[in-house]
Amino acid sequence: GANVTNTRFIKSNLNNASFYGATGPNANFQNAELRNASFYGATFGRRSKSRAANFQSANLIRADFYGANINRVNFRNANLHRARFHGTDAHNVNFENTNLQDITFYGANISGANFRGANLRGVTFHGADMTRANLCGAVNIREARFIGSDLRGASCRP
């Protein structure tokens, strides 16, 4: 895949783009249009001396993060409606105030993730590692489904 490390995609129209197997720590997708984009097997998470990618306020409706490494990525205020997180390594990701409606986290590692203010309507956590996740202030949490997920240490931290 392509190396997009340190690339700025701010406010870009990248609908239907493929980042298959791409590498992009510190890539900036703030306010970008990424409907139906594929990040299949991509690595946008933090590496030893780089920062994770930034998707703050991006439109990621139906984006696919299957098998991607997105640890520590910032999705604050993003729209991830119907995105796919199957087998995704997303530990310590920031989903603060994010629309996660109708997402399935299937076998995903979302340990330590921040869900403060995130919309969890219709979200399914199936076999997900949610240890130490912050669910404080998550919206519509009663409409989320937790199936065989590990919630040890998950809490509502101020």
N, C-alpha and C. Protein backbone atom coordinates (compact mmCIF):
# COMPACT_ATOMS: atom_id res chain seq x y z
N GLY A 1 0.81 -1.20 0.00
CA GLY A 1 0.00 0.00 0.00
C GLY A 1 0.85 1.26 0.00
N ALA A 2 0.20 2.34 -0.25
CA ALA A 2 0.86 3.65 -0.32
C ALA A 2 1.31 4.13 1.06
N ASN A 3 2.32 4.96 1.08
CA ASN A 3 2.77 5.59 2.32
C ASN A 3 2.30 7.04 2.28
N VAL A 4 1.34 7.36 3.16
CA VAL A 4 0.79 8.72 3.22
C VAL A 4 1.12 9.38 4.56
N THR A 5 2.19 8.93 5.19
CA THR A 5 2.64 9.50 6.46
C THR A 5 2.85 11.00 6.31
N ASN A 6 2.34 11.76 7.26
CA ASN A 6 2.47 13.23 7.32
C ASN A 6 1.73 13.96 6.19
N THR A 7 0.90 13.27 5.42
CA THR A 7 0.15 13.92 4.34
C THR A 7 -1.08 14.63 4.90
N ARG A 8 -1.37 15.81 4.34
CA ARG A 8 -2.53 16.60 4.78
C ARG A 8 -3.66 16.45 3.76
N PHE A 9 -4.77 15.83 4.22
CA PHE A 9 -5.95 15.66 3.39
C PHE A 9 -7.10 16.52 3.92
N ILE A 10 -6.78 17.59 4.62
CA ILE A 10 -7.78 18.43 5.28
C ILE A 10 -8.80 18.93 4.25
N LYS A 11 -10.08 18.71 4.56
CA LYS A 11 -11.22 19.14 3.73
C LYS A 11 -11.21 18.55 2.32
N SER A 12 -10.49 17.46 2.11
CA SER A 12 -10.43 16.83 0.79
C SER A 12 -11.64 15.95 0.55
N ASN A 13 -12.02 15.81 -0.72
CA ASN A 13 -13.08 14.89 -1.10
C ASN A 13 -12.43 13.58 -1.52
N LEU A 14 -12.53 12.60 -0.63
CA LEU A 14 -11.91 11.29 -0.87
C LEU A 14 -12.96 10.18 -0.81
N ASN A 15 -14.19 10.51 -1.18
CA ASN A 15 -15.25 9.51 -1.19
C ASN A 15 -14.85 8.35 -2.08
N ASN A 16 -15.11 7.14 -1.60
CA ASN A 16 -14.81 5.88 -2.32
C ASN A 16 -13.31 5.63 -2.52
N ALA A 17 -12.46 6.35 -1.83
CA ALA A 17 -11.01 6.15 -1.96
C ALA A 17 -10.59 4.83 -1.32
N SER A 18 -9.51 4.27 -1.82
CA SER A 18 -8.96 3.05 -1.25
C SER A 18 -7.58 3.33 -0.68
N PHE A 19 -7.45 3.05 0.61
CA PHE A 19 -6.17 3.14 1.31
C PHE A 19 -5.76 1.72 1.71
N TYR A 20 -6.05 0.76 0.86
CA TYR A 20 -5.78 -0.64 1.11
C TYR A 20 -4.31 -0.85 1.46
N GLY A 21 -4.06 -1.35 2.67
CA GLY A 21 -2.70 -1.64 3.10
C GLY A 21 -1.81 -0.42 3.25
N ALA A 22 -2.38 0.77 3.21
CA ALA A 22 -1.58 2.00 3.29
C ALA A 22 -1.00 2.20 4.69
N THR A 23 0.04 3.00 4.76
CA THR A 23 0.66 3.39 6.01
C THR A 23 0.54 4.91 6.12
N GLY A 24 0.05 5.38 7.27
CA GLY A 24 -0.15 6.83 7.36
C GLY A 24 -0.18 7.42 8.74
N PRO A 25 0.76 7.06 9.61
CA PRO A 25 0.81 7.77 10.89
C PRO A 25 0.99 9.27 10.64
N ASN A 26 0.33 10.05 11.43
CA ASN A 26 0.39 11.51 11.37
C ASN A 26 -0.26 12.09 10.11
N ALA A 27 -1.00 11.28 9.35
CA ALA A 27 -1.78 11.81 8.23
C ALA A 27 -2.95 12.60 8.83
N ASN A 28 -3.36 13.68 8.15
CA ASN A 28 -4.42 14.52 8.68
C ASN A 28 -5.61 14.53 7.72
N PHE A 29 -6.72 13.94 8.16
CA PHE A 29 -7.95 13.87 7.38
C PHE A 29 -9.04 14.75 7.98
N GLN A 30 -8.66 15.77 8.73
CA GLN A 30 -9.64 16.60 9.41
C GLN A 30 -10.63 17.20 8.41
N ASN A 31 -11.94 17.07 8.74
CA ASN A 31 -13.04 17.60 7.91
C ASN A 31 -13.06 17.03 6.48
N ALA A 32 -12.43 15.90 6.24
CA ALA A 32 -12.42 15.30 4.90
C ALA A 32 -13.70 14.51 4.65
N GLU A 33 -14.07 14.39 3.39
CA GLU A 33 -15.19 13.55 2.96
C GLU A 33 -14.62 12.19 2.58
N LEU A 34 -14.98 11.16 3.35
CA LEU A 34 -14.43 9.82 3.15
C LEU A 34 -15.53 8.76 3.12
N ARG A 35 -16.69 9.10 2.55
CA ARG A 35 -17.78 8.12 2.46
C ARG A 35 -17.31 6.90 1.67
N ASN A 36 -17.63 5.72 2.21
CA ASN A 36 -17.30 4.45 1.55
C ASN A 36 -15.80 4.25 1.30
N ALA A 37 -14.95 4.97 2.01
CA ALA A 37 -13.51 4.79 1.86
C ALA A 37 -13.09 3.47 2.50
N SER A 38 -12.06 2.85 1.94
CA SER A 38 -11.56 1.59 2.46
C SER A 38 -10.17 1.78 3.06
N PHE A 39 -10.05 1.36 4.31
CA PHE A 39 -8.76 1.37 5.02
C PHE A 39 -8.39 -0.07 5.37
N TYR A 40 -8.80 -1.00 4.53
CA TYR A 40 -8.60 -2.43 4.75
C TYR A 40 -7.11 -2.72 4.95
N GLY A 41 -6.79 -3.26 6.13
CA GLY A 41 -5.41 -3.64 6.42
C GLY A 41 -4.42 -2.49 6.52
N ALA A 42 -4.92 -1.28 6.61
CA ALA A 42 -4.04 -0.10 6.66
C ALA A 42 -3.48 0.11 8.07
N THR A 43 -2.40 0.89 8.15
CA THR A 43 -1.79 1.23 9.43
C THR A 43 -1.76 2.75 9.57
N PHE A 44 -2.71 3.27 10.35
CA PHE A 44 -2.78 4.71 10.61
C PHE A 44 -2.60 5.01 12.09
N GLY A 45 -2.29 3.97 12.86
CA GLY A 45 -2.09 4.13 14.28
C GLY A 45 -0.73 4.71 14.60
N ARG A 46 -0.57 5.03 15.86
CA ARG A 46 0.67 5.63 16.33
C ARG A 46 1.80 4.61 16.29
N ARG A 47 2.93 5.04 15.84
CA ARG A 47 4.14 4.23 15.90
C ARG A 47 5.05 4.84 16.95
N SER A 48 6.20 4.27 17.16
CA SER A 48 7.05 4.66 18.28
C SER A 48 7.29 6.17 18.40
N LYS A 49 7.63 6.86 17.33
CA LYS A 49 7.95 8.28 17.45
C LYS A 49 7.00 9.17 16.65
N SER A 50 5.97 8.60 16.07
CA SER A 50 5.03 9.40 15.28
C SER A 50 3.69 9.48 15.99
N ARG A 51 2.87 10.42 15.56
CA ARG A 51 1.51 10.52 16.09
C ARG A 51 0.57 9.73 15.20
N ALA A 52 -0.56 9.34 15.76
CA ALA A 52 -1.57 8.63 14.97
C ALA A 52 -2.25 9.61 14.02
N ALA A 53 -2.94 9.08 13.04
CA ALA A 53 -3.68 9.90 12.08
C ALA A 53 -4.81 10.65 12.77
N ASN A 54 -5.23 11.75 12.16
CA ASN A 54 -6.29 12.58 12.70
C ASN A 54 -7.48 12.59 11.73
N PHE A 55 -8.64 12.08 12.19
CA PHE A 55 -9.87 12.06 11.41
C PHE A 55 -10.92 12.96 12.06
N GLN A 56 -10.49 13.96 12.81
CA GLN A 56 -11.44 14.81 13.53
C GLN A 56 -12.42 15.46 12.56
N SER A 57 -13.71 15.36 12.88
CA SER A 57 -14.81 15.97 12.11
C SER A 57 -14.90 15.46 10.67
N ALA A 58 -14.30 14.32 10.38
CA ALA A 58 -14.38 13.75 9.02
C ALA A 58 -15.71 13.01 8.83
N ASN A 59 -16.15 12.92 7.58
CA ASN A 59 -17.35 12.19 7.23
C ASN A 59 -16.93 10.83 6.71
N LEU A 60 -17.10 9.80 7.55
CA LEU A 60 -16.62 8.45 7.24
C LEU A 60 -17.78 7.45 7.16
N ILE A 61 -18.93 7.90 6.66
CA ILE A 61 -20.09 7.02 6.54
C ILE A 61 -19.71 5.81 5.69
N ARG A 62 -19.99 4.62 6.22
CA ARG A 62 -19.71 3.33 5.56
C ARG A 62 -18.23 3.09 5.25
N ALA A 63 -17.34 3.76 5.94
CA ALA A 63 -15.90 3.49 5.76
C ALA A 63 -15.58 2.10 6.30
N ASP A 64 -14.57 1.47 5.76
CA ASP A 64 -14.21 0.11 6.13
C ASP A 64 -12.80 0.08 6.73
N PHE A 65 -12.73 -0.28 8.01
CA PHE A 65 -11.44 -0.37 8.71
C PHE A 65 -11.10 -1.83 9.03
N TYR A 66 -11.51 -2.74 8.16
CA TYR A 66 -11.30 -4.17 8.38
C TYR A 66 -9.81 -4.47 8.52
N GLY A 67 -9.44 -5.06 9.68
CA GLY A 67 -8.06 -5.47 9.90
C GLY A 67 -7.05 -4.34 9.98
N ALA A 68 -7.53 -3.11 10.13
CA ALA A 68 -6.63 -1.95 10.16
C ALA A 68 -6.02 -1.75 11.55
N ASN A 69 -4.86 -1.11 11.60
CA ASN A 69 -4.24 -0.69 12.85
C ASN A 69 -4.45 0.82 12.95
N ILE A 70 -5.36 1.21 13.84
CA ILE A 70 -5.68 2.63 14.01
C ILE A 70 -5.55 3.04 15.48
N ASN A 71 -4.66 2.38 16.21
CA ASN A 71 -4.53 2.71 17.63
C ASN A 71 -4.16 4.18 17.81
N ARG A 72 -4.80 4.79 18.80
CA ARG A 72 -4.62 6.19 19.19
C ARG A 72 -5.11 7.22 18.15
N VAL A 73 -5.83 6.78 17.13
CA VAL A 73 -6.37 7.70 16.12
C VAL A 73 -7.44 8.59 16.75
N ASN A 74 -7.55 9.82 16.27
CA ASN A 74 -8.53 10.78 16.76
C ASN A 74 -9.71 10.86 15.79
N PHE A 75 -10.89 10.41 16.24
CA PHE A 75 -12.12 10.49 15.46
C PHE A 75 -13.09 11.51 16.08
N ARG A 76 -12.61 12.39 16.92
CA ARG A 76 -13.49 13.32 17.63
C ARG A 76 -14.40 14.06 16.65
N ASN A 77 -15.70 14.07 16.96
CA ASN A 77 -16.74 14.75 16.17
C ASN A 77 -16.90 14.20 14.75
N ALA A 78 -16.39 13.02 14.46
CA ALA A 78 -16.52 12.44 13.12
C ALA A 78 -17.86 11.72 12.98
N ASN A 79 -18.26 11.48 11.74
CA ASN A 79 -19.47 10.72 11.44
C ASN A 79 -19.04 9.36 10.88
N LEU A 80 -19.19 8.32 11.69
CA LEU A 80 -18.79 6.97 11.29
C LEU A 80 -20.02 6.07 11.12
N HIS A 81 -21.17 6.63 10.82
CA HIS A 81 -22.40 5.87 10.66
C HIS A 81 -22.18 4.71 9.70
N ARG A 82 -22.49 3.51 10.17
CA ARG A 82 -22.39 2.27 9.40
C ARG A 82 -20.98 1.92 8.93
N ALA A 83 -19.97 2.45 9.59
CA ALA A 83 -18.58 2.06 9.28
C ALA A 83 -18.35 0.63 9.79
N ARG A 84 -17.29 0.01 9.33
CA ARG A 84 -17.01 -1.38 9.69
C ARG A 84 -15.66 -1.48 10.39
N PHE A 85 -15.68 -2.08 11.58
CA PHE A 85 -14.47 -2.28 12.37
C PHE A 85 -14.37 -3.76 12.72
N HIS A 86 -13.98 -4.59 11.78
CA HIS A 86 -13.87 -6.03 12.00
C HIS A 86 -12.38 -6.38 12.14
N GLY A 87 -12.02 -6.95 13.30
CA GLY A 87 -10.63 -7.33 13.53
C GLY A 87 -9.69 -6.14 13.55
N THR A 88 -10.22 -4.99 13.88
CA THR A 88 -9.45 -3.74 13.87
C THR A 88 -8.72 -3.55 15.19
N ASP A 89 -7.47 -3.11 15.13
CA ASP A 89 -6.72 -2.74 16.34
C ASP A 89 -6.92 -1.25 16.54
N ALA A 90 -7.82 -0.93 17.46
CA ALA A 90 -8.19 0.47 17.70
C ALA A 90 -8.06 0.83 19.17
N HIS A 91 -7.02 0.31 19.83
CA HIS A 91 -6.91 0.61 21.25
C HIS A 91 -6.54 2.09 21.46
N ASN A 92 -7.08 2.65 22.53
CA ASN A 92 -6.86 4.05 22.91
C ASN A 92 -7.30 5.05 21.83
N VAL A 93 -8.28 4.68 21.03
CA VAL A 93 -8.83 5.59 20.01
C VAL A 93 -9.77 6.58 20.69
N ASN A 94 -9.82 7.79 20.15
CA ASN A 94 -10.71 8.83 20.67
C ASN A 94 -11.96 8.91 19.80
N PHE A 95 -13.10 8.41 20.33
CA PHE A 95 -14.39 8.49 19.65
C PHE A 95 -15.28 9.57 20.29
N GLU A 96 -14.69 10.53 20.95
CA GLU A 96 -15.46 11.54 21.68
C GLU A 96 -16.40 12.30 20.73
N ASN A 97 -17.69 12.36 21.12
CA ASN A 97 -18.73 13.08 20.36
C ASN A 97 -18.85 12.59 18.92
N THR A 98 -18.55 11.32 18.69
CA THR A 98 -18.59 10.75 17.35
C THR A 98 -19.91 10.03 17.11
N ASN A 99 -20.43 10.10 15.89
CA ASN A 99 -21.62 9.33 15.52
C ASN A 99 -21.18 7.94 15.11
N LEU A 100 -21.46 6.97 15.97
CA LEU A 100 -21.09 5.57 15.72
C LEU A 100 -22.33 4.73 15.39
N GLN A 101 -23.40 5.36 15.05
CA GLN A 101 -24.67 4.67 14.85
C GLN A 101 -24.56 3.52 13.84
N ASP A 102 -25.10 2.36 14.25
CA ASP A 102 -25.19 1.17 13.40
C ASP A 102 -23.84 0.58 13.00
N ILE A 103 -22.83 0.76 13.82
CA ILE A 103 -21.51 0.16 13.60
C ILE A 103 -21.45 -1.20 14.29
N THR A 104 -20.66 -2.09 13.74
CA THR A 104 -20.34 -3.34 14.43
C THR A 104 -18.83 -3.38 14.67
N PHE A 105 -18.47 -3.51 15.94
CA PHE A 105 -17.08 -3.73 16.32
C PHE A 105 -16.96 -5.24 16.51
N TYR A 106 -16.55 -5.97 15.49
CA TYR A 106 -16.50 -7.43 15.55
C TYR A 106 -15.06 -7.89 15.75
N GLY A 107 -14.80 -8.47 16.92
CA GLY A 107 -13.45 -8.94 17.20
C GLY A 107 -12.42 -7.83 17.21
N ALA A 108 -12.86 -6.61 17.47
CA ALA A 108 -11.96 -5.45 17.45
C ALA A 108 -11.34 -5.22 18.83
N ASN A 109 -10.13 -4.70 18.83
CA ASN A 109 -9.47 -4.28 20.07
C ASN A 109 -9.73 -2.79 20.24
N ILE A 110 -10.66 -2.45 21.11
CA ILE A 110 -10.96 -1.04 21.39
C ILE A 110 -10.71 -0.76 22.87
N SER A 111 -9.73 -1.47 23.42
CA SER A 111 -9.38 -1.27 24.82
C SER A 111 -8.88 0.16 25.03
N GLY A 112 -9.30 0.76 26.12
CA GLY A 112 -8.86 2.12 26.45
C GLY A 112 -9.47 3.20 25.57
N ALA A 113 -10.42 2.84 24.71
CA ALA A 113 -11.04 3.83 23.82
C ALA A 113 -11.92 4.80 24.62
N ASN A 114 -12.02 6.03 24.14
CA ASN A 114 -12.84 7.05 24.78
C ASN A 114 -14.13 7.22 23.99
N PHE A 115 -15.26 6.87 24.61
CA PHE A 115 -16.58 6.99 23.98
C PHE A 115 -17.40 8.13 24.57
N ARG A 116 -16.78 9.07 25.27
CA ARG A 116 -17.51 10.17 25.90
C ARG A 116 -18.31 10.94 24.85
N GLY A 117 -19.62 11.01 25.05
CA GLY A 117 -20.50 11.76 24.15
C GLY A 117 -20.76 11.09 22.81
N ALA A 118 -20.24 9.89 22.59
CA ALA A 118 -20.45 9.19 21.32
C ALA A 118 -21.86 8.63 21.23
N ASN A 119 -22.44 8.65 20.04
CA ASN A 119 -23.77 8.08 19.80
C ASN A 119 -23.62 6.59 19.55
N LEU A 120 -24.14 5.77 20.48
CA LEU A 120 -24.01 4.32 20.38
C LEU A 120 -25.30 3.64 19.93
N ARG A 121 -26.24 4.38 19.36
CA ARG A 121 -27.51 3.80 18.89
C ARG A 121 -27.24 2.74 17.82
N GLY A 122 -27.69 1.51 18.10
CA GLY A 122 -27.55 0.44 17.12
C GLY A 122 -26.15 -0.14 16.99
N VAL A 123 -25.24 0.25 17.87
CA VAL A 123 -23.86 -0.27 17.81
C VAL A 123 -23.84 -1.68 18.40
N THR A 124 -23.12 -2.57 17.75
CA THR A 124 -22.93 -3.92 18.26
C THR A 124 -21.45 -4.12 18.56
N PHE A 125 -21.18 -4.50 19.80
CA PHE A 125 -19.83 -4.84 20.24
C PHE A 125 -19.81 -6.36 20.34
N HIS A 126 -19.30 -7.04 19.33
CA HIS A 126 -19.34 -8.50 19.27
C HIS A 126 -17.92 -9.05 19.41
N GLY A 127 -17.65 -9.68 20.56
CA GLY A 127 -16.32 -10.23 20.78
C GLY A 127 -15.24 -9.18 20.81
N ALA A 128 -15.61 -7.97 21.21
CA ALA A 128 -14.66 -6.85 21.23
C ALA A 128 -13.92 -6.78 22.57
N ASP A 129 -12.67 -6.39 22.52
CA ASP A 129 -11.89 -6.12 23.73
C ASP A 129 -12.12 -4.67 24.10
N MET A 130 -12.92 -4.46 25.15
CA MET A 130 -13.27 -3.11 25.60
C MET A 130 -12.68 -2.82 26.98
N THR A 131 -11.64 -3.55 27.36
CA THR A 131 -11.05 -3.34 28.67
C THR A 131 -10.59 -1.89 28.79
N ARG A 132 -10.85 -1.30 29.93
CA ARG A 132 -10.47 0.08 30.27
C ARG A 132 -11.10 1.14 29.36
N ALA A 133 -12.15 0.79 28.62
CA ALA A 133 -12.83 1.79 27.77
C ALA A 133 -13.57 2.79 28.65
N ASN A 134 -13.63 4.04 28.21
CA ASN A 134 -14.36 5.08 28.93
C ASN A 134 -15.71 5.26 28.25
N LEU A 135 -16.78 4.82 28.93
CA LEU A 135 -18.13 4.91 28.39
C LEU A 135 -18.93 6.04 29.04
N CYS A 136 -18.26 6.87 29.81
CA CYS A 136 -18.91 7.97 30.51
C CYS A 136 -19.52 8.95 29.51
N GLY A 137 -20.80 9.22 29.68
CA GLY A 137 -21.45 10.21 28.83
C GLY A 137 -21.78 9.73 27.43
N ALA A 138 -21.60 8.42 27.17
CA ALA A 138 -21.98 7.90 25.85
C ALA A 138 -23.49 8.03 25.69
N VAL A 139 -23.92 8.41 24.50
CA VAL A 139 -25.34 8.65 24.21
C VAL A 139 -25.97 7.37 23.66
N ASN A 140 -27.18 7.07 24.08
CA ASN A 140 -27.93 5.89 23.62
C ASN A 140 -27.23 4.58 23.94
N ILE A 141 -26.51 4.53 25.05
CA ILE A 141 -25.78 3.30 25.41
C ILE A 141 -26.74 2.13 25.64
N ARG A 142 -27.97 2.42 26.05
CA ARG A 142 -28.94 1.34 26.28
C ARG A 142 -29.40 0.72 24.97
N GLU A 143 -29.12 1.36 23.86
CA GLU A 143 -29.50 0.82 22.55
C GLU A 143 -28.34 0.10 21.87
N ALA A 144 -27.22 -0.01 22.59
CA ALA A 144 -26.06 -0.75 22.08
C ALA A 144 -26.16 -2.21 22.54
N ARG A 145 -25.55 -3.11 21.77
CA ARG A 145 -25.54 -4.53 22.12
C ARG A 145 -24.10 -4.96 22.42
N PHE A 146 -23.95 -5.67 23.54
CA PHE A 146 -22.65 -6.16 23.96
C PHE A 146 -22.72 -7.69 23.95
N ILE A 147 -22.10 -8.33 22.96
CA ILE A 147 -22.17 -9.77 22.79
C ILE A 147 -20.77 -10.35 22.95
N GLY A 148 -20.55 -11.04 24.06
CA GLY A 148 -19.26 -11.70 24.27
C GLY A 148 -18.07 -10.77 24.27
N SER A 149 -18.29 -9.53 24.67
CA SER A 149 -17.19 -8.55 24.71
C SER A 149 -16.60 -8.47 26.11
N ASP A 150 -15.35 -8.13 26.19
CA ASP A 150 -14.63 -8.02 27.46
C ASP A 150 -14.68 -6.59 27.94
N LEU A 151 -15.44 -6.34 29.01
CA LEU A 151 -15.62 -5.01 29.56
C LEU A 151 -14.88 -4.81 30.88
N ARG A 152 -13.94 -5.69 31.19
CA ARG A 152 -13.21 -5.56 32.45
C ARG A 152 -12.48 -4.20 32.51
N GLY A 153 -12.70 -3.50 33.60
CA GLY A 153 -12.03 -2.21 33.78
C GLY A 153 -12.68 -1.07 33.03
N ALA A 154 -13.69 -1.37 32.19
CA ALA A 154 -14.40 -0.30 31.50
C ALA A 154 -15.15 0.52 32.56
N SER A 155 -15.22 1.81 32.36
CA SER A 155 -15.80 2.65 33.41
C SER A 155 -16.34 3.93 32.87
N CYS A 156 -16.80 4.70 33.83
CA CYS A 156 -17.21 6.07 33.56
C CYS A 156 -16.25 6.95 34.32
N ARG A 157 -15.15 7.32 33.65
CA ARG A 157 -14.13 8.15 34.29
C ARG A 157 -14.41 9.62 33.98
N PRO A 158 -14.29 10.49 34.97
CA PRO A 158 -14.50 11.93 34.68
C PRO A 158 -13.39 12.49 33.82
